[in-house]
Amino acid sequence: MAFARRAELVEAGRRFGQARANAAARLPGSRWDAAEVAEREFVSELACTIRVPRRTAENLIAESRALAGELPATRAALEAGEISYQHAKVVINQAWSVPDEAKAAFEVEVLRSAGTVTASKLKYRARLLRERLHPETIRARHQKSVRDRAVFFEPEPDGMASLTLYDS
């Protein structure tokens, strides 16, 4: 129940920050719009508050958002103590690539056995189910992803830069 409540509070904090950002005017000369600033501030504040790395905070925010919006049955099972947070993370991670029209069926099916198996066994079952429900084959999705390969360069303060490689 505590993990479900934490997810609820994290999502409420994210929504609050975005609502305030939507009401704010863009600062002249700023690289980012108000929504980007609010997102970055919330990630930093959350990471400092719960003493985790920034990336861990970003993952927690994304997981909380999924539990609050896209996977209500998973949040309900977590809140009822039927599954652990590890089980919920498995459902979230596997559901991200399931098409929206199949997500509800995926969630119902995967939760059917989630309370009786380990998280690693659930991951295996959820991956198989995800592949069965996905309209495109893994080969077609991989070929599309290969076409989406990219390198991103983002200037940073103090003469620094971020370089991101998205590749197979």
N, C-alpha and C. Protein backbone atom coordinates (compact mmCIF):
# COMPACT_ATOMS: atom_id res chain seq x y z
N MET A 1 0.82 -1.19 0.00
CA MET A 1 0.00 0.00 0.00
C MET A 1 0.86 1.25 0.00
N ALA A 2 1.99 1.18 0.70
CA ALA A 2 2.87 2.35 0.78
C ALA A 2 3.44 2.70 -0.60
N PHE A 3 3.80 1.71 -1.39
CA PHE A 3 4.32 1.99 -2.73
C PHE A 3 3.25 2.61 -3.63
N ALA A 4 2.02 2.15 -3.51
CA ALA A 4 0.93 2.73 -4.29
C ALA A 4 0.70 4.17 -3.87
N ARG A 5 0.76 4.43 -2.59
CA ARG A 5 0.59 5.80 -2.09
C ARG A 5 1.74 6.69 -2.56
N ARG A 6 2.96 6.15 -2.52
CA ARG A 6 4.11 6.93 -3.00
C ARG A 6 3.94 7.30 -4.46
N ALA A 7 3.50 6.34 -5.28
CA ALA A 7 3.28 6.61 -6.70
C ALA A 7 2.22 7.70 -6.88
N GLU A 8 1.18 7.63 -6.08
CA GLU A 8 0.11 8.63 -6.15
C GLU A 8 0.66 10.02 -5.81
N LEU A 9 1.46 10.12 -4.77
CA LEU A 9 2.02 11.40 -4.35
C LEU A 9 3.03 11.94 -5.36
N VAL A 10 3.85 11.08 -5.92
CA VAL A 10 4.82 11.51 -6.93
C VAL A 10 4.09 12.05 -8.15
N GLU A 11 3.05 11.36 -8.59
CA GLU A 11 2.29 11.83 -9.75
C GLU A 11 1.57 13.13 -9.45
N ALA A 12 1.04 13.27 -8.24
CA ALA A 12 0.37 14.53 -7.86
C ALA A 12 1.38 15.68 -7.87
N GLY A 13 2.59 15.43 -7.39
CA GLY A 13 3.65 16.45 -7.41
C GLY A 13 4.03 16.84 -8.83
N ARG A 14 4.12 15.86 -9.70
CA ARG A 14 4.47 16.13 -11.10
C ARG A 14 3.38 16.97 -11.76
N ARG A 15 2.13 16.58 -11.55
CA ARG A 15 1.01 17.33 -12.13
C ARG A 15 0.95 18.76 -11.59
N PHE A 16 1.22 18.93 -10.30
CA PHE A 16 1.22 20.27 -9.70
C PHE A 16 2.29 21.14 -10.36
N GLY A 17 3.48 20.60 -10.52
CA GLY A 17 4.56 21.35 -11.16
C GLY A 17 4.22 21.73 -12.59
N GLN A 18 3.62 20.80 -13.33
CA GLN A 18 3.23 21.09 -14.71
C GLN A 18 2.12 22.13 -14.77
N ALA A 19 1.17 22.08 -13.83
CA ALA A 19 0.09 23.06 -13.81
C ALA A 19 0.63 24.46 -13.54
N ARG A 20 1.58 24.55 -12.63
CA ARG A 20 2.19 25.86 -12.35
C ARG A 20 3.00 26.33 -13.55
N ALA A 21 3.64 25.41 -14.23
CA ALA A 21 4.45 25.78 -15.40
C ALA A 21 3.56 26.27 -16.52
N ASN A 22 2.40 25.66 -16.69
CA ASN A 22 1.48 26.08 -17.74
C ASN A 22 0.97 27.49 -17.52
N ALA A 23 0.93 27.92 -16.24
CA ALA A 23 0.47 29.26 -15.92
C ALA A 23 1.60 30.30 -16.00
N ALA A 24 2.83 29.84 -16.04
CA ALA A 24 3.98 30.76 -16.04
C ALA A 24 4.32 31.22 -17.45
N ALA A 25 4.84 32.41 -17.52
CA ALA A 25 5.29 32.94 -18.82
C ALA A 25 6.72 32.46 -19.07
N ARG A 26 7.07 32.34 -20.33
CA ARG A 26 8.43 31.93 -20.68
C ARG A 26 9.39 33.08 -20.40
N LEU A 27 10.49 32.74 -19.77
CA LEU A 27 11.50 33.75 -19.48
C LEU A 27 12.28 34.09 -20.73
N PRO A 28 12.49 35.36 -21.00
CA PRO A 28 13.27 35.74 -22.19
C PRO A 28 14.69 35.21 -22.11
N GLY A 29 15.17 34.67 -23.21
CA GLY A 29 16.53 34.16 -23.27
C GLY A 29 16.71 32.77 -22.70
N SER A 30 15.67 32.15 -22.20
CA SER A 30 15.77 30.82 -21.62
C SER A 30 15.80 29.77 -22.73
N ARG A 31 16.66 28.74 -22.52
CA ARG A 31 16.73 27.64 -23.49
C ARG A 31 15.52 26.74 -23.42
N TRP A 32 14.91 26.66 -22.25
CA TRP A 32 13.81 25.73 -22.03
C TRP A 32 12.52 26.48 -21.78
N ASP A 33 11.42 25.85 -22.14
CA ASP A 33 10.13 26.44 -21.81
C ASP A 33 9.79 26.10 -20.35
N ALA A 34 8.71 26.68 -19.85
CA ALA A 34 8.35 26.53 -18.44
C ALA A 34 8.08 25.06 -18.07
N ALA A 35 7.49 24.30 -18.98
CA ALA A 35 7.20 22.89 -18.70
C ALA A 35 8.48 22.09 -18.52
N GLU A 36 9.48 22.37 -19.35
CA GLU A 36 10.78 21.67 -19.24
C GLU A 36 11.47 22.04 -17.92
N VAL A 37 11.41 23.32 -17.57
CA VAL A 37 12.00 23.76 -16.30
C VAL A 37 11.31 23.08 -15.13
N ALA A 38 9.98 23.04 -15.17
CA ALA A 38 9.23 22.40 -14.08
C ALA A 38 9.58 20.92 -13.96
N GLU A 39 9.71 20.24 -15.09
CA GLU A 39 10.06 18.82 -15.07
C GLU A 39 11.46 18.61 -14.47
N ARG A 40 12.41 19.39 -14.92
CA ARG A 40 13.77 19.25 -14.41
C ARG A 40 13.85 19.59 -12.93
N GLU A 41 13.13 20.63 -12.52
CA GLU A 41 13.12 21.00 -11.10
C GLU A 41 12.51 19.89 -10.25
N PHE A 42 11.41 19.31 -10.73
CA PHE A 42 10.76 18.26 -9.95
C PHE A 42 11.66 17.04 -9.82
N VAL A 43 12.31 16.66 -10.90
CA VAL A 43 13.23 15.52 -10.85
C VAL A 43 14.33 15.79 -9.83
N SER A 44 14.91 16.97 -9.88
CA SER A 44 16.00 17.31 -8.95
C SER A 44 15.52 17.33 -7.51
N GLU A 45 14.37 17.96 -7.27
CA GLU A 45 13.83 18.02 -5.92
C GLU A 45 13.51 16.64 -5.37
N LEU A 46 12.90 15.80 -6.19
CA LEU A 46 12.57 14.44 -5.75
C LEU A 46 13.83 13.64 -5.45
N ALA A 47 14.81 13.75 -6.33
CA ALA A 47 16.06 13.02 -6.12
C ALA A 47 16.73 13.44 -4.81
N CYS A 48 16.75 14.73 -4.54
CA CYS A 48 17.35 15.21 -3.29
C CYS A 48 16.54 14.78 -2.07
N THR A 49 15.23 14.87 -2.19
CA THR A 49 14.35 14.56 -1.05
C THR A 49 14.45 13.10 -0.63
N ILE A 50 14.44 12.19 -1.61
CA ILE A 50 14.48 10.77 -1.24
C ILE A 50 15.88 10.18 -1.36
N ARG A 51 16.86 11.05 -1.64
CA ARG A 51 18.29 10.68 -1.67
C ARG A 51 18.58 9.55 -2.64
N VAL A 52 18.19 9.78 -3.90
CA VAL A 52 18.49 8.82 -4.96
C VAL A 52 19.13 9.58 -6.13
N PRO A 53 19.80 8.86 -7.02
CA PRO A 53 20.34 9.53 -8.21
C PRO A 53 19.22 10.10 -9.08
N ARG A 54 19.57 11.08 -9.87
CA ARG A 54 18.62 11.75 -10.75
C ARG A 54 17.89 10.74 -11.66
N ARG A 55 18.62 9.82 -12.23
CA ARG A 55 18.01 8.84 -13.14
C ARG A 55 16.99 7.96 -12.42
N THR A 56 17.28 7.60 -11.18
CA THR A 56 16.34 6.81 -10.38
C THR A 56 15.06 7.60 -10.14
N ALA A 57 15.20 8.90 -9.87
CA ALA A 57 14.03 9.76 -9.68
C ALA A 57 13.22 9.86 -10.97
N GLU A 58 13.90 9.98 -12.11
CA GLU A 58 13.19 10.04 -13.40
C GLU A 58 12.40 8.76 -13.63
N ASN A 59 13.00 7.62 -13.31
CA ASN A 59 12.30 6.33 -13.46
C ASN A 59 11.09 6.26 -12.54
N LEU A 60 11.26 6.71 -11.30
CA LEU A 60 10.14 6.68 -10.34
C LEU A 60 8.99 7.56 -10.83
N ILE A 61 9.30 8.70 -11.39
CA ILE A 61 8.26 9.60 -11.91
C ILE A 61 7.53 8.93 -13.07
N ALA A 62 8.27 8.32 -13.98
CA ALA A 62 7.65 7.64 -15.13
C ALA A 62 6.78 6.46 -14.67
N GLU A 63 7.28 5.70 -13.70
CA GLU A 63 6.51 4.56 -13.18
C GLU A 63 5.24 5.04 -12.47
N SER A 64 5.35 6.11 -11.71
CA SER A 64 4.20 6.65 -11.00
C SER A 64 3.16 7.17 -11.97
N ARG A 65 3.62 7.80 -13.03
CA ARG A 65 2.70 8.31 -14.05
C ARG A 65 1.96 7.15 -14.73
N ALA A 66 2.68 6.07 -15.02
CA ALA A 66 2.05 4.89 -15.64
C ALA A 66 1.02 4.27 -14.70
N LEU A 67 1.35 4.16 -13.42
CA LEU A 67 0.41 3.57 -12.46
C LEU A 67 -0.83 4.46 -12.28
N ALA A 68 -0.64 5.76 -12.32
CA ALA A 68 -1.76 6.68 -12.11
C ALA A 68 -2.68 6.76 -13.32
N GLY A 69 -2.11 6.65 -14.52
CA GLY A 69 -2.93 6.87 -15.69
C GLY A 69 -3.19 5.67 -16.57
N GLU A 70 -2.14 4.97 -16.93
CA GLU A 70 -2.27 3.92 -17.95
C GLU A 70 -2.59 2.54 -17.38
N LEU A 71 -2.21 2.29 -16.13
CA LEU A 71 -2.35 0.95 -15.56
C LEU A 71 -3.08 0.99 -14.22
N PRO A 72 -4.35 1.37 -14.22
CA PRO A 72 -5.07 1.49 -12.94
C PRO A 72 -5.26 0.16 -12.21
N ALA A 73 -5.40 -0.93 -12.93
CA ALA A 73 -5.57 -2.23 -12.27
C ALA A 73 -4.29 -2.66 -11.56
N THR A 74 -3.16 -2.31 -12.13
CA THR A 74 -1.88 -2.63 -11.49
C THR A 74 -1.73 -1.83 -10.21
N ARG A 75 -2.10 -0.54 -10.27
CA ARG A 75 -2.04 0.29 -9.06
C ARG A 75 -2.99 -0.25 -7.99
N ALA A 76 -4.17 -0.69 -8.40
CA ALA A 76 -5.14 -1.25 -7.44
C ALA A 76 -4.60 -2.53 -6.81
N ALA A 77 -3.97 -3.39 -7.61
CA ALA A 77 -3.38 -4.62 -7.08
C ALA A 77 -2.24 -4.32 -6.12
N LEU A 78 -1.45 -3.31 -6.45
CA LEU A 78 -0.35 -2.89 -5.58
C LEU A 78 -0.91 -2.32 -4.28
N GLU A 79 -1.93 -1.50 -4.38
CA GLU A 79 -2.54 -0.89 -3.21
C GLU A 79 -3.18 -1.93 -2.29
N ALA A 80 -3.74 -2.97 -2.89
CA ALA A 80 -4.39 -4.03 -2.11
C ALA A 80 -3.38 -5.02 -1.52
N GLY A 81 -2.11 -4.89 -1.90
CA GLY A 81 -1.10 -5.81 -1.40
C GLY A 81 -1.07 -7.13 -2.13
N GLU A 82 -1.73 -7.22 -3.28
CA GLU A 82 -1.75 -8.46 -4.05
C GLU A 82 -0.45 -8.70 -4.80
N ILE A 83 0.26 -7.61 -5.12
CA ILE A 83 1.55 -7.71 -5.80
C ILE A 83 2.54 -6.78 -5.13
N SER A 84 3.81 -7.05 -5.34
CA SER A 84 4.87 -6.19 -4.80
C SER A 84 5.19 -5.08 -5.80
N TYR A 85 6.00 -4.13 -5.36
CA TYR A 85 6.40 -3.06 -6.28
C TYR A 85 7.26 -3.63 -7.41
N GLN A 86 8.04 -4.66 -7.13
CA GLN A 86 8.83 -5.31 -8.18
C GLN A 86 7.92 -5.89 -9.26
N HIS A 87 6.83 -6.50 -8.85
CA HIS A 87 5.85 -7.03 -9.81
C HIS A 87 5.24 -5.89 -10.62
N ALA A 88 4.89 -4.80 -9.94
CA ALA A 88 4.31 -3.65 -10.63
C ALA A 88 5.30 -3.08 -11.65
N LYS A 89 6.57 -3.01 -11.29
CA LYS A 89 7.58 -2.50 -12.23
C LYS A 89 7.69 -3.40 -13.46
N VAL A 90 7.56 -4.70 -13.27
CA VAL A 90 7.58 -5.63 -14.41
C VAL A 90 6.42 -5.31 -15.35
N VAL A 91 5.22 -5.15 -14.79
CA VAL A 91 4.05 -4.85 -15.62
C VAL A 91 4.25 -3.53 -16.35
N ILE A 92 4.73 -2.51 -15.65
CA ILE A 92 4.96 -1.20 -16.25
C ILE A 92 5.96 -1.30 -17.39
N ASN A 93 7.10 -1.93 -17.14
CA ASN A 93 8.16 -2.01 -18.15
C ASN A 93 7.74 -2.79 -19.38
N GLN A 94 6.94 -3.82 -19.20
CA GLN A 94 6.48 -4.59 -20.35
C GLN A 94 5.33 -3.89 -21.07
N ALA A 95 4.51 -3.13 -20.34
CA ALA A 95 3.35 -2.46 -20.94
C ALA A 95 3.73 -1.26 -21.79
N TRP A 96 4.90 -0.68 -21.57
CA TRP A 96 5.28 0.53 -22.31
C TRP A 96 5.30 0.31 -23.82
N SER A 97 5.61 -0.88 -24.26
CA SER A 97 5.66 -1.11 -25.71
C SER A 97 4.40 -1.78 -26.25
N VAL A 98 3.41 -2.00 -25.40
CA VAL A 98 2.15 -2.57 -25.86
C VAL A 98 1.30 -1.44 -26.43
N PRO A 99 0.71 -1.63 -27.61
CA PRO A 99 -0.15 -0.58 -28.19
C PRO A 99 -1.30 -0.24 -27.24
N ASP A 100 -1.74 1.00 -27.27
CA ASP A 100 -2.79 1.47 -26.36
C ASP A 100 -4.05 0.62 -26.40
N GLU A 101 -4.44 0.18 -27.60
CA GLU A 101 -5.67 -0.60 -27.73
C GLU A 101 -5.56 -1.99 -27.09
N ALA A 102 -4.36 -2.48 -26.88
CA ALA A 102 -4.17 -3.80 -26.29
C ALA A 102 -3.71 -3.73 -24.83
N LYS A 103 -3.47 -2.52 -24.33
CA LYS A 103 -2.90 -2.37 -22.98
C LYS A 103 -3.81 -2.90 -21.89
N ALA A 104 -5.11 -2.63 -21.98
CA ALA A 104 -6.03 -3.10 -20.94
C ALA A 104 -6.09 -4.62 -20.89
N ALA A 105 -6.15 -5.26 -22.05
CA ALA A 105 -6.17 -6.73 -22.11
C ALA A 105 -4.86 -7.30 -21.57
N PHE A 106 -3.76 -6.66 -21.92
CA PHE A 106 -2.45 -7.09 -21.42
C PHE A 106 -2.42 -7.03 -19.90
N GLU A 107 -2.88 -5.91 -19.35
CA GLU A 107 -2.83 -5.72 -17.90
C GLU A 107 -3.68 -6.76 -17.17
N VAL A 108 -4.89 -6.99 -17.65
CA VAL A 108 -5.78 -7.97 -17.02
C VAL A 108 -5.14 -9.36 -17.04
N GLU A 109 -4.63 -9.74 -18.19
CA GLU A 109 -4.04 -11.08 -18.34
C GLU A 109 -2.80 -11.26 -17.49
N VAL A 110 -1.92 -10.28 -17.49
CA VAL A 110 -0.66 -10.42 -16.74
C VAL A 110 -0.91 -10.38 -15.23
N LEU A 111 -1.90 -9.63 -14.79
CA LEU A 111 -2.20 -9.55 -13.36
C LEU A 111 -2.87 -10.82 -12.84
N ARG A 112 -3.42 -11.60 -13.76
CA ARG A 112 -4.09 -12.84 -13.36
C ARG A 112 -3.14 -13.76 -12.57
N SER A 113 -1.88 -13.81 -12.97
CA SER A 113 -0.94 -14.69 -12.29
C SER A 113 0.12 -13.93 -11.48
N ALA A 114 0.07 -12.60 -11.50
CA ALA A 114 1.13 -11.81 -10.87
C ALA A 114 1.27 -12.07 -9.37
N GLY A 115 0.20 -12.33 -8.69
CA GLY A 115 0.26 -12.53 -7.25
C GLY A 115 0.76 -13.90 -6.82
N THR A 116 0.98 -14.80 -7.79
CA THR A 116 1.36 -16.17 -7.42
C THR A 116 2.73 -16.58 -7.95
N VAL A 117 3.41 -15.68 -8.66
CA VAL A 117 4.73 -16.01 -9.20
C VAL A 117 5.75 -14.96 -8.78
N THR A 118 7.01 -15.30 -8.92
CA THR A 118 8.07 -14.33 -8.61
C THR A 118 8.09 -13.24 -9.69
N ALA A 119 8.75 -12.14 -9.39
CA ALA A 119 8.84 -11.04 -10.35
C ALA A 119 9.58 -11.47 -11.62
N SER A 120 10.60 -12.30 -11.50
CA SER A 120 11.34 -12.73 -12.68
C SER A 120 10.49 -13.67 -13.55
N LYS A 121 9.71 -14.52 -12.93
CA LYS A 121 8.81 -15.40 -13.69
C LYS A 121 7.71 -14.57 -14.36
N LEU A 122 7.23 -13.55 -13.65
CA LEU A 122 6.22 -12.66 -14.21
C LEU A 122 6.78 -11.90 -15.42
N LYS A 123 8.03 -11.50 -15.33
CA LYS A 123 8.67 -10.79 -16.45
C LYS A 123 8.68 -11.67 -17.70
N TYR A 124 9.03 -12.92 -17.53
CA TYR A 124 9.05 -13.87 -18.64
C TYR A 124 7.65 -14.01 -19.25
N ARG A 125 6.65 -14.23 -18.39
CA ARG A 125 5.28 -14.40 -18.88
C ARG A 125 4.76 -13.13 -19.55
N ALA A 126 5.07 -11.98 -18.94
CA ALA A 126 4.60 -10.71 -19.49
C ALA A 126 5.24 -10.42 -20.84
N ARG A 127 6.50 -10.77 -21.00
CA ARG A 127 7.18 -10.56 -22.27
C ARG A 127 6.53 -11.41 -23.37
N LEU A 128 6.24 -12.66 -23.07
CA LEU A 128 5.57 -13.53 -24.04
C LEU A 128 4.19 -13.00 -24.40
N LEU A 129 3.45 -12.57 -23.40
CA LEU A 129 2.12 -12.02 -23.64
C LEU A 129 2.20 -10.74 -24.47
N ARG A 130 3.15 -9.89 -24.14
CA ARG A 130 3.33 -8.64 -24.90
C ARG A 130 3.59 -8.94 -26.37
N GLU A 131 4.43 -9.91 -26.64
CA GLU A 131 4.73 -10.28 -28.03
C GLU A 131 3.50 -10.83 -28.74
N ARG A 132 2.69 -11.59 -28.02
CA ARG A 132 1.48 -12.16 -28.61
C ARG A 132 0.45 -11.07 -28.94
N LEU A 133 0.35 -10.07 -28.08
CA LEU A 133 -0.65 -9.02 -28.26
C LEU A 133 -0.22 -7.92 -29.22
N HIS A 134 1.06 -7.81 -29.46
CA HIS A 134 1.56 -6.72 -30.31
C HIS A 134 1.24 -7.04 -31.77
N PRO A 135 0.66 -6.07 -32.51
CA PRO A 135 0.29 -6.33 -33.90
C PRO A 135 1.50 -6.49 -34.84
N GLU A 136 2.63 -5.90 -34.48
CA GLU A 136 3.82 -6.03 -35.31
C GLU A 136 4.75 -7.09 -34.72
N THR A 137 5.49 -7.76 -35.57
CA THR A 137 6.44 -8.76 -35.09
C THR A 137 7.65 -8.05 -34.49
N ILE A 138 8.41 -8.77 -33.70
CA ILE A 138 9.62 -8.21 -33.10
C ILE A 138 10.61 -7.81 -34.19
N ARG A 139 10.67 -8.58 -35.25
CA ARG A 139 11.59 -8.27 -36.36
C ARG A 139 11.22 -6.93 -37.01
N ALA A 140 9.92 -6.70 -37.25
CA ALA A 140 9.48 -5.44 -37.86
C ALA A 140 9.76 -4.26 -36.93
N ARG A 141 9.52 -4.44 -35.63
CA ARG A 141 9.79 -3.37 -34.68
C ARG A 141 11.29 -3.09 -34.59
N HIS A 142 12.10 -4.13 -34.64
CA HIS A 142 13.56 -3.93 -34.59
C HIS A 142 14.03 -3.16 -35.83
N GLN A 143 13.53 -3.53 -36.99
CA GLN A 143 13.93 -2.84 -38.22
C GLN A 143 13.53 -1.36 -38.17
N LYS A 144 12.34 -1.07 -37.62
CA LYS A 144 11.93 0.33 -37.47
C LYS A 144 12.87 1.05 -36.50
N SER A 145 13.22 0.40 -35.42
CA SER A 145 14.11 1.01 -34.43
C SER A 145 15.49 1.27 -35.02
N VAL A 146 15.97 0.36 -35.85
CA VAL A 146 17.27 0.57 -36.51
C VAL A 146 17.21 1.81 -37.39
N ARG A 147 16.09 2.02 -38.05
CA ARG A 147 15.94 3.23 -38.88
C ARG A 147 15.90 4.49 -38.02
N ASP A 148 15.50 4.37 -36.77
CA ASP A 148 15.41 5.52 -35.87
C ASP A 148 16.71 5.81 -35.12
N ARG A 149 17.79 5.12 -35.48
CA ARG A 149 19.06 5.37 -34.82
C ARG A 149 19.43 6.84 -34.95
N ALA A 150 20.08 7.36 -33.93
CA ALA A 150 20.42 8.78 -33.99
C ALA A 150 21.51 9.11 -32.98
N VAL A 151 22.13 10.26 -33.21
CA VAL A 151 23.08 10.84 -32.28
C VAL A 151 22.55 12.23 -31.93
N PHE A 152 22.48 12.53 -30.65
CA PHE A 152 21.97 13.82 -30.19
C PHE A 152 23.07 14.58 -29.49
N PHE A 153 23.18 15.85 -29.79
CA PHE A 153 24.16 16.73 -29.17
C PHE A 153 23.39 17.86 -28.50
N GLU A 154 23.64 18.07 -27.20
CA GLU A 154 22.96 19.14 -26.49
C GLU A 154 23.99 19.97 -25.73
N PRO A 155 24.12 21.25 -26.09
CA PRO A 155 25.05 22.11 -25.36
C PRO A 155 24.64 22.24 -23.89
N GLU A 156 25.60 22.28 -23.02
CA GLU A 156 25.35 22.41 -21.59
C GLU A 156 26.11 23.63 -21.06
N PRO A 157 25.82 24.06 -19.85
CA PRO A 157 26.51 25.22 -19.27
C PRO A 157 28.01 24.97 -19.08
N ASP A 158 28.75 26.02 -18.92
CA ASP A 158 30.18 25.99 -18.62
C ASP A 158 31.01 25.30 -19.68
N GLY A 159 30.63 25.44 -20.95
CA GLY A 159 31.42 24.88 -22.04
C GLY A 159 31.35 23.37 -22.15
N MET A 160 30.32 22.76 -21.57
CA MET A 160 30.17 21.31 -21.61
C MET A 160 29.06 20.95 -22.60
N ALA A 161 28.90 19.66 -22.87
CA ALA A 161 27.87 19.20 -23.77
C ALA A 161 27.49 17.76 -23.42
N SER A 162 26.27 17.38 -23.80
CA SER A 162 25.82 16.00 -23.67
C SER A 162 25.74 15.40 -25.05
N LEU A 163 26.26 14.19 -25.17
CA LEU A 163 26.23 13.47 -26.43
C LEU A 163 25.52 12.15 -26.18
N THR A 164 24.42 11.90 -26.90
CA THR A 164 23.62 10.70 -26.71
C THR A 164 23.64 9.89 -28.00
N LEU A 165 23.91 8.60 -27.87
CA LEU A 165 23.89 7.69 -29.01
C LEU A 165 22.74 6.72 -28.80
N TYR A 166 21.80 6.68 -29.76
CA TYR A 166 20.68 5.73 -29.73
C TYR A 166 20.95 4.75 -30.85
N ASP A 167 21.33 3.51 -30.48
CA ASP A 167 21.75 2.54 -31.47
C ASP A 167 21.43 1.13 -31.00
N SER A 168 21.56 0.17 -31.91
CA SER A 168 21.33 -1.24 -31.55
C SER A 168 22.55 -1.80 -30.85
